[in-house]
C-alpha atoms as a PDB file:
ATOM      1  CA  MET A   1     -53.429  58.592 -27.934  1.00  0.00           C
ATOM      2  CA  ASN A   2     -55.537  55.526 -26.013  1.00  0.00           C
ATOM      3  CA  GLU A   3     -56.834  55.221 -21.854  1.00  0.00           C
ATOM      4  CA  LYS A   4     -54.183  52.147 -22.085  1.00  0.00           C
ATOM      5  CA  GLU A   5     -51.437  54.090 -23.207  1.00  0.00           C
ATOM      6  CA  ASP A   6     -52.140  56.822 -21.094  1.00  0.00           C
ATOM      7  CA  THR A   7     -51.925  55.068 -18.006  1.00  0.00           C
ATOM      8  CA  THR A   8     -48.648  53.079 -18.674  1.00  0.00           C
ATOM      9  CA  GLY A   9     -47.520  56.786 -19.950  1.00  0.00           C
ATOM     10  CA  ARG A  10     -48.575  58.454 -16.583  1.00  0.00           C
ATOM     11  CA  THR A  11     -46.963  55.633 -14.631  1.00  0.00           C
ATOM     12  CA  GLU A  12     -43.206  56.393 -16.184  1.00  0.00           C
ATOM     13  CA  HIS A  13     -43.748  60.162 -15.915  1.00  0.00           C
ATOM     14  CA  THR A  14     -44.479  59.268 -12.256  1.00  0.00           C
ATOM     15  CA  TYR A  15     -41.242  57.317 -11.954  1.00  0.00           C
ATOM     16  CA  ASP A  16     -38.934  59.722 -13.741  1.00  0.00           C
ATOM     17  CA  HIS A  17     -40.482  62.322 -11.385  1.00  0.00           C
ATOM     18  CA  ILE A  18     -39.868  60.254  -8.261  1.00  0.00           C
ATOM     19  CA  ALA A  19     -36.655  57.987  -9.135  1.00  0.00           C
ATOM     20  CA  PRO A  20     -33.914  59.415  -6.715  1.00  0.00           C
ATOM     21  CA  THR A  21     -36.373  59.950  -3.273  1.00  0.00           C
ATOM     22  CA  TYR A  22     -38.286  56.559  -4.810  1.00  0.00           C
ATOM     23  CA  SER A  23     -35.103  54.921  -4.461  1.00  0.00           C
ATOM     24  CA  SER A  24     -34.083  56.313  -0.963  1.00  0.00           C
ATOM     25  CA  ARG A  25     -37.017  54.710   0.168  1.00  0.00           C
ATOM     26  CA  ILE A  26     -36.638  51.789  -0.928  1.00  0.00           C
ATOM     27  CA  GLU A  27     -33.829  51.444   0.609  1.00  0.00           C
ATOM     28  CA  GLU A  28     -34.730  52.267   3.929  1.00  0.00           C
ATOM     29  CA  LEU A  29     -37.335  49.782   3.832  1.00  0.00           C
ATOM     30  CA  LEU A  30     -35.329  46.995   2.888  1.00  0.00           C
ATOM     31  CA  ALA A  31     -32.386  48.187   5.369  1.00  0.00           C
ATOM     32  CA  ASP A  32     -34.873  48.432   8.293  1.00  0.00           C
ATOM     33  CA  SER A  33     -36.899  45.484   8.076  1.00  0.00           C
ATOM     34  CA  TRP A  34     -38.033  42.029   7.230  1.00  0.00           C
ATOM     35  CA  VAL A  35     -38.929  42.696   3.684  1.00  0.00           C
ATOM     36  CA  GLY A  36     -34.823  42.886   2.699  1.00  0.00           C
ATOM     37  CA  GLU A  37     -33.341  40.118   4.540  1.00  0.00           C
ATOM     38  CA  TYR A  38     -36.888  38.013   2.912  1.00  0.00           C
ATOM     39  CA  GLU A  39     -35.979  39.467  -0.748  1.00  0.00           C
ATOM     40  CA  LYS A  40     -32.048  38.304  -0.939  1.00  0.00           C
ATOM     41  CA  GLY A  41     -33.265  34.824   0.109  1.00  0.00           C
ATOM     42  CA  LEU A  42     -35.285  35.216  -3.398  1.00  0.00           C
ATOM     43  CA  LEU A  43     -32.180  36.662  -5.035  1.00  0.00           C
ATOM     44  CA  ASN A  44     -30.158  33.859  -4.156  1.00  0.00           C
ATOM     45  CA  ARG A  45     -32.882  30.746  -4.885  1.00  0.00           C
ATOM     46  CA  PHE A  46     -33.325  32.683  -8.022  1.00  0.00           C
ATOM     47  CA  LEU A  47     -29.753  32.036  -8.949  1.00  0.00           C
ATOM     48  CA  SER A  48     -29.552  28.359  -7.565  1.00  0.00           C
ATOM     49  CA  ALA A  49     -33.013  27.643  -9.839  1.00  0.00           C
ATOM     50  CA  VAL A  50     -31.307  28.627 -13.127  1.00  0.00           C
ATOM     51  CA  PRO A  51     -30.237  26.079 -15.319  1.00  0.00           C
ATOM     52  CA  ARG A  52     -25.961  26.740 -15.606  1.00  0.00           C
ATOM     53  CA  SER A  53     -23.428  28.555 -13.421  1.00  0.00           C
ATOM     54  CA  GLY A  54     -22.460  31.839 -15.117  1.00  0.00           C
ATOM     55  CA  ALA A  55     -25.899  32.506 -16.544  1.00  0.00           C
ATOM     56  CA  GLY A  56     -27.351  35.185 -18.278  1.00  0.00           C
ATOM     57  CA  ILE A  57     -30.129  37.360 -16.575  1.00  0.00           C
ATOM     58  CA  LEU A  58     -32.514  39.517 -17.575  1.00  0.00           C
ATOM     59  CA  ASP A  59     -33.325  41.862 -15.154  1.00  0.00           C
ATOM     60  CA  ILE A  60     -37.272  42.820 -15.955  1.00  0.00           C
ATOM     61  CA  GLY A  61     -37.831  46.740 -14.093  1.00  0.00           C
ATOM     62  CA  CYS A  62     -34.536  46.981 -12.533  1.00  0.00           C
ATOM     63  CA  GLY A  63     -35.244  50.719 -10.912  1.00  0.00           C
ATOM     64  CA  ASP A  64     -31.962  51.627  -9.581  1.00  0.00           C
ATOM     65  CA  GLY A  65     -30.405  48.622 -10.272  1.00  0.00           C
ATOM     66  CA  LYS A  66     -29.698  47.343  -7.149  1.00  0.00           C
ATOM     67  CA  ASP A  67     -30.874  43.698  -7.854  1.00  0.00           C
ATOM     68  CA  THR A  68     -28.631  43.340 -11.267  1.00  0.00           C
ATOM     69  CA  ASP A  69     -26.029  44.164  -9.120  1.00  0.00           C
ATOM     70  CA  TYR A  70     -26.496  41.610  -6.826  1.00  0.00           C
ATOM     71  CA  PHE A  71     -26.933  39.128  -9.956  1.00  0.00           C
ATOM     72  CA  ARG A  72     -23.491  40.636 -11.710  1.00  0.00           C
ATOM     73  CA  ARG A  73     -21.538  40.398  -7.927  1.00  0.00           C
ATOM     74  CA  LYS A  74     -22.547  36.735  -7.700  1.00  0.00           C
ATOM     75  CA  ALA A  75     -21.037  36.008 -10.816  1.00  0.00           C
ATOM     76  CA  ALA A  76     -23.874  35.793 -13.586  1.00  0.00           C
ATOM     77  CA  PHE A  77     -24.354  37.932 -16.372  1.00  0.00           C
ATOM     78  CA  ALA A  78     -26.831  40.389 -15.616  1.00  0.00           C
ATOM     79  CA  VAL A  79     -28.648  42.846 -18.166  1.00  0.00           C
ATOM     80  CA  GLY A  80     -31.287  45.701 -16.196  1.00  0.00           C
ATOM     81  CA  MET A  81     -33.985  47.110 -18.276  1.00  0.00           C
ATOM     82  CA  ASP A  82     -36.696  49.422 -17.623  1.00  0.00           C
ATOM     83  CA  VAL A  83     -38.861  51.814 -18.825  1.00  0.00           C
ATOM     84  CA  SER A  84     -38.267  54.814 -17.097  1.00  0.00           C
ATOM     85  CA  ARG A  85     -35.372  56.892 -17.994  1.00  0.00           C
ATOM     86  CA  GLY A  86     -35.410  58.460 -14.175  1.00  0.00           C
ATOM     87  CA  MET A  87     -35.041  55.396 -12.828  1.00  0.00           C
ATOM     88  CA  LEU A  88     -32.119  54.147 -14.958  1.00  0.00           C
ATOM     89  CA  ALA A  89     -30.583  57.048 -14.691  1.00  0.00           C
ATOM     90  CA  GLU A  90     -30.668  55.949 -10.464  1.00  0.00           C
ATOM     91  CA  ALA A  91     -29.563  52.896 -11.980  1.00  0.00           C
ATOM     92  CA  ARG A  92     -26.156  53.861 -14.045  1.00  0.00           C
ATOM     93  CA  LYS A  93     -24.969  56.314 -10.856  1.00  0.00           C
ATOM     94  CA  ARG A  94     -25.673  53.190  -8.739  1.00  0.00           C
ATOM     95  CA  VAL A  95     -23.585  50.880 -10.902  1.00  0.00           C
ATOM     96  CA  PRO A  96     -21.496  52.900 -13.683  1.00  0.00           C
ATOM     97  CA  TRP A  97     -20.300  49.278 -14.279  1.00  0.00           C
ATOM     98  CA  GLY A  98     -23.322  47.561 -15.190  1.00  0.00           C
ATOM     99  CA  THR A  99     -25.280  47.015 -18.372  1.00  0.00           C
ATOM    100  CA  PHE A 100     -28.877  48.942 -18.378  1.00  0.00           C
ATOM    101  CA  CYS A 101     -30.880  49.608 -21.259  1.00  0.00           C
ATOM    102  CA  ARG A 102     -34.257  51.582 -21.874  1.00  0.00           C
ATOM    103  CA  MET A 103     -37.172  48.207 -22.947  1.00  0.00           C
ATOM    104  CA  ASP A 104     -40.635  48.031 -22.382  1.00  0.00           C
ATOM    105  CA  MET A 105     -41.507  44.653 -20.804  1.00  0.00           C
ATOM    106  CA  ARG A 106     -44.159  44.189 -23.816  1.00  0.00           C
ATOM    107  CA  ASN A 107     -41.938  44.330 -26.791  1.00  0.00           C
ATOM    108  CA  LEU A 108     -37.924  43.634 -25.561  1.00  0.00           C
ATOM    109  CA  GLY A 109     -35.268  44.197 -27.982  1.00  0.00           C
ATOM    110  CA  PHE A 110     -33.481  41.144 -27.147  1.00  0.00           C
ATOM    111  CA  SER A 111     -32.694  38.509 -29.645  1.00  0.00           C
ATOM    112  CA  THR A 112     -34.586  34.831 -29.320  1.00  0.00           C
ATOM    113  CA  GLY A 113     -33.332  32.775 -26.212  1.00  0.00           C
ATOM    114  CA  VAL A 114     -30.027  34.740 -24.664  1.00  0.00           C
ATOM    115  CA  PHE A 115     -31.136  34.058 -20.894  1.00  0.00           C
ATOM    116  CA  ASP A 116     -31.219  31.760 -18.374  1.00  0.00           C
ATOM    117  CA  GLY A 117     -33.197  33.195 -15.616  1.00  0.00           C
ATOM    118  CA  VAL A 118     -35.888  36.339 -16.264  1.00  0.00           C
ATOM    119  CA  TRP A 119     -36.121  38.399 -12.857  1.00  0.00           C
ATOM    120  CA  ALA A 120     -39.597  41.348 -12.258  1.00  0.00           C
ATOM    121  CA  ASN A 121     -39.712  42.743  -9.250  1.00  0.00           C
ATOM    122  CA  GLY A 122     -42.301  44.996  -8.168  1.00  0.00           C
ATOM    123  CA  CYS A 123     -42.997  45.668 -11.924  1.00  0.00           C
ATOM    124  CA  ILE A 124     -45.580  43.242 -13.504  1.00  0.00           C
ATOM    125  CA  TYR A 125     -48.386  44.915 -11.348  1.00  0.00           C
ATOM    126  CA  HIS A 126     -47.971  48.040 -13.048  1.00  0.00           C
ATOM    127  CA  VAL A 127     -48.772  46.453 -16.923  1.00  0.00           C
ATOM    128  CA  PRO A 128     -52.323  46.316 -17.674  1.00  0.00           C
ATOM    129  CA  LYS A 129     -53.834  42.934 -17.150  1.00  0.00           C
ATOM    130  CA  ALA A 130     -54.808  42.689 -21.130  1.00  0.00           C
ATOM    131  CA  ASP A 131     -51.367  43.123 -21.537  1.00  0.00           C
ATOM    132  CA  LEU A 132     -49.853  40.214 -19.141  1.00  0.00           C
ATOM    133  CA  PRO A 133     -49.959  38.042 -21.587  1.00  0.00           C
ATOM    134  CA  ALA A 134     -47.781  39.819 -24.095  1.00  0.00           C
ATOM    135  CA  VAL A 135     -45.014  40.146 -20.972  1.00  0.00           C
ATOM    136  CA  PHE A 136     -44.855  36.582 -20.513  1.00  0.00           C
ATOM    137  CA  ARG A 137     -44.870  35.995 -23.948  1.00  0.00           C
ATOM    138  CA  GLU A 138     -41.665  38.203 -24.609  1.00  0.00           C
ATOM    139  CA  ALA A 139     -39.871  36.410 -21.368  1.00  0.00           C
ATOM    140  CA  ILE A 140     -40.514  33.123 -22.911  1.00  0.00           C
ATOM    141  CA  ARG A 141     -39.003  33.344 -26.226  1.00  0.00           C
ATOM    142  CA  VAL A 142     -36.121  35.666 -24.673  1.00  0.00           C
ATOM    143  CA  LEU A 143     -35.577  32.018 -22.234  1.00  0.00           C
ATOM    144  CA  ARG A 144     -33.238  29.359 -23.394  1.00  0.00           C
ATOM    145  CA  PRO A 145     -35.366  26.010 -22.590  1.00  0.00           C
ATOM    146  CA  SER A 146     -35.855  25.278 -18.892  1.00  0.00           C
ATOM    147  CA  GLY A 147     -34.910  28.667 -18.123  1.00  0.00           C
ATOM    148  CA  VAL A 148     -36.428  30.645 -15.448  1.00  0.00           C
ATOM    149  CA  PHE A 149     -39.051  33.500 -14.551  1.00  0.00           C
ATOM    150  CA  SER A 150     -39.859  34.918 -11.460  1.00  0.00           C
ATOM    151  CA  PHE A 151     -41.913  37.833 -10.438  1.00  0.00           C
ATOM    152  CA  ASN A 152     -43.767  39.122  -8.477  1.00  0.00           C
ATOM    153  CA  PHE A 153     -47.911  40.494  -7.859  1.00  0.00           C
ATOM    154  CA  LYS A 154     -50.031  42.246  -5.334  1.00  0.00           C
ATOM    155  CA  ALA A 155     -52.946  40.102  -4.159  1.00  0.00           C
ATOM    156  CA  GLY A 156     -56.358  40.954  -5.072  1.00  0.00           C
ATOM    157  CA  ALA A 157     -59.067  42.009  -7.770  1.00  0.00           C
ATOM    158  CA  GLY A 158     -58.853  45.170  -9.775  1.00  0.00           C
ATOM    159  CA  GLU A 159     -56.941  47.449 -11.794  1.00  0.00           C
ATOM    160  CA  GLY A 160     -56.340  50.925 -12.434  1.00  0.00           C
ATOM    161  CA  LEU A 161     -54.859  54.274 -11.339  1.00  0.00           C
ATOM    162  CA  ASP A 162     -54.302  55.254  -7.772  1.00  0.00           C
ATOM    163  CA  ASP A 163     -53.203  58.529  -7.667  1.00  0.00           C
ATOM    164  CA  GLU A 164     -51.841  58.308  -4.063  1.00  0.00           C
ATOM    165  CA  PRO A 165     -49.839  54.782  -3.127  1.00  0.00           C
ATOM    166  CA  ARG A 166     -49.583  53.407  -0.501  1.00  0.00           C
ATOM    167  CA  SER A 167     -45.854  52.362  -0.927  1.00  0.00           C
ATOM    168  CA  PHE A 168     -44.941  56.297  -2.426  1.00  0.00           C
ATOM    169  CA  GLY A 169     -46.880  59.076  -3.176  1.00  0.00           C
ATOM    170  CA  GLY A 170     -44.773  61.630  -6.172  1.00  0.00           C
ATOM    171  CA  GLY A 171     -47.388  61.186  -8.934  1.00  0.00           C
ATOM    172  CA  PRO A 172     -49.876  58.276  -9.942  1.00  0.00           C
ATOM    173  CA  ARG A 173     -49.159  54.941 -11.038  1.00  0.00           C
ATOM    174  CA  TYR A 174     -51.182  51.653 -12.574  1.00  0.00           C
ATOM    175  CA  TYR A 175     -51.940  48.689 -10.349  1.00  0.00           C
ATOM    176  CA  ALA A 176     -53.076  45.144 -11.047  1.00  0.00           C
ATOM    177  CA  TYR A 177     -54.301  43.013  -8.505  1.00  0.00           C
ATOM    178  CA  TYR A 178     -54.325  39.173  -9.268  1.00  0.00           C
ATOM    179  CA  ARG A 179     -56.099  36.524  -7.476  1.00  0.00           C
ATOM    180  CA  ARG A 180     -54.195  33.246  -7.154  1.00  0.00           C
ATOM    181  CA  GLY A 181     -55.885  31.362  -9.655  1.00  0.00           C
ATOM    182  CA  GLU A 182     -55.942  34.055 -11.502  1.00  0.00           C
ATOM    183  CA  MET A 183     -52.681  34.111 -11.734  1.00  0.00           C
ATOM    184  CA  LYS A 184     -52.576  30.106 -12.025  1.00  0.00           C
ATOM    185  CA  ALA A 185     -54.288  30.606 -15.247  1.00  0.00           C
ATOM    186  CA  LEU A 186     -52.878  32.619 -16.745  1.00  0.00           C
ATOM    187  CA  LEU A 187     -49.322  30.968 -16.533  1.00  0.00           C
ATOM    188  CA  ARG A 188     -50.928  27.970 -17.931  1.00  0.00           C
ATOM    189  CA  ARG A 189     -52.468  29.593 -20.663  1.00  0.00           C
ATOM    190  CA  ALA A 190     -49.030  31.497 -21.839  1.00  0.00           C
ATOM    191  CA  GLY A 191     -47.258  27.926 -21.632  1.00  0.00           C
ATOM    192  CA  LEU A 192     -45.017  28.494 -18.536  1.00  0.00           C
ATOM    193  CA  ARG A 193     -44.706  25.902 -15.617  1.00  0.00           C
ATOM    194  CA  ALA A 194     -45.797  27.108 -12.600  1.00  0.00           C
ATOM    195  CA  LEU A 195     -43.223  26.232  -9.862  1.00  0.00           C
ATOM    196  CA  ALA A 196     -44.683  27.929  -6.772  1.00  0.00           C
ATOM    197  CA  LEU A 197     -46.686  30.905  -5.458  1.00  0.00           C
ATOM    198  CA  GLU A 198     -45.609  31.516  -2.190  1.00  0.00           C
ATOM    199  CA  SER A 199     -46.799  34.815  -0.263  1.00  0.00           C
ATOM    200  CA  TYR A 200     -44.492  36.852   0.972  1.00  0.00           C
ATOM    201  CA  PRO A 201     -44.011  36.240   5.202  1.00  0.00           C
ATOM    202  CA  GLY A 202     -45.558  39.865   5.978  1.00  0.00           C
ATOM    203  CA  ARG A 203     -47.798  42.692   4.206  1.00  0.00           C
ATOM    204  CA  VAL A 204     -45.738  45.393   2.368  1.00  0.00           C
ATOM    205  CA  PHE A 205     -46.970  48.344   2.720  1.00  0.00           C
ATOM    206  CA  GLY A 206     -50.059  46.720   3.738  1.00  0.00           C
ATOM    207  CA  GLU A 207     -50.600  44.743   0.553  1.00  0.00           C
ATOM    208  CA  GLU A 208     -50.047  40.649   0.229  1.00  0.00           C
ATOM    209  CA  ILE A 209     -47.453  40.340  -2.353  1.00  0.00           C
ATOM    210  CA  VAL A 210     -47.073  36.862  -3.752  1.00  0.00           C
ATOM    211  CA  GLN A 211     -43.946  35.611  -5.567  1.00  0.00           C
ATOM    212  CA  VAL A 212     -44.098  33.347  -8.452  1.00  0.00           C
ATOM    213  CA  TRP A 213     -41.561  30.711  -9.909  1.00  0.00           C
ATOM    214  CA  ALA A 214     -42.042  29.700 -13.325  1.00  0.00           C
ATOM    215  CA  GLN A 215     -40.336  27.409 -15.822  1.00  0.00           C
ATOM    216  CA  LYS A 216     -39.984  27.788 -19.690  1.00  0.00           C
ATOM    217  CA  PRO A 217     -40.604  24.076 -20.925  1.00  0.00           C
END
C-alpha cells in the first residue's frame, strides 16, 4: 500500500467509525447556527442553476444523505454516493427510499453524460491534491453539456492527515487546502468554466469555506 492509499483509507476508516455521532454533530451545527440556513440557500441556488426541470443530480460524498433527500423532495432525481460504508448506512437509515451507492469520486461507476448537476459538499478536501484532476475529469464525464458542478473547499495552503480535526475527533482525516487562484487554475486546466467562488459569510469550525460554482461547456 502506498502513502496516498493509506491516507485515503484512514480517512474512510475514521468516517466508518464515527458515522452515527458525526451525523448527529452536523445536525446540531445546521440547526443551531447560520450555517443551516446558508447551506439551504446554496442547495436552492444549485437546483435553480441546473439546466432543466426534473434534473438528474449526483450527490458526491453524500454522508448521511440529507442533501440527497432535499434534492429528491424538490422533484429532482438524485443519487447519493460515498466511499464510507458507515456513512452510507446512516444515509439508508435516514432516507430508506433513497438511492445510494458506494463509489470513489475519482472513479465513478456511472455512464457518460447522465447527470444535469453534480453536488459535492464537504468532501473534495479529503482527496489528495494530486488526485483532484481525476475528480474533476469524472465530474465532467458524468455531466451533460452545460451541466453544473458545485462543491466547497477549505481556504488555505498545504495538505495532510489531521489527527484531531476541529469539526469532530474520533480519528485522523485527510485535508487539502487551496488558495482561490490555485483552485481557479485547476478548474481552468480541467476544462470547467468557473462561474463563481464565494466564501461562506462566517467561519465554520474556525475555517474559511469557499463554495465553487462551475459549468461543463
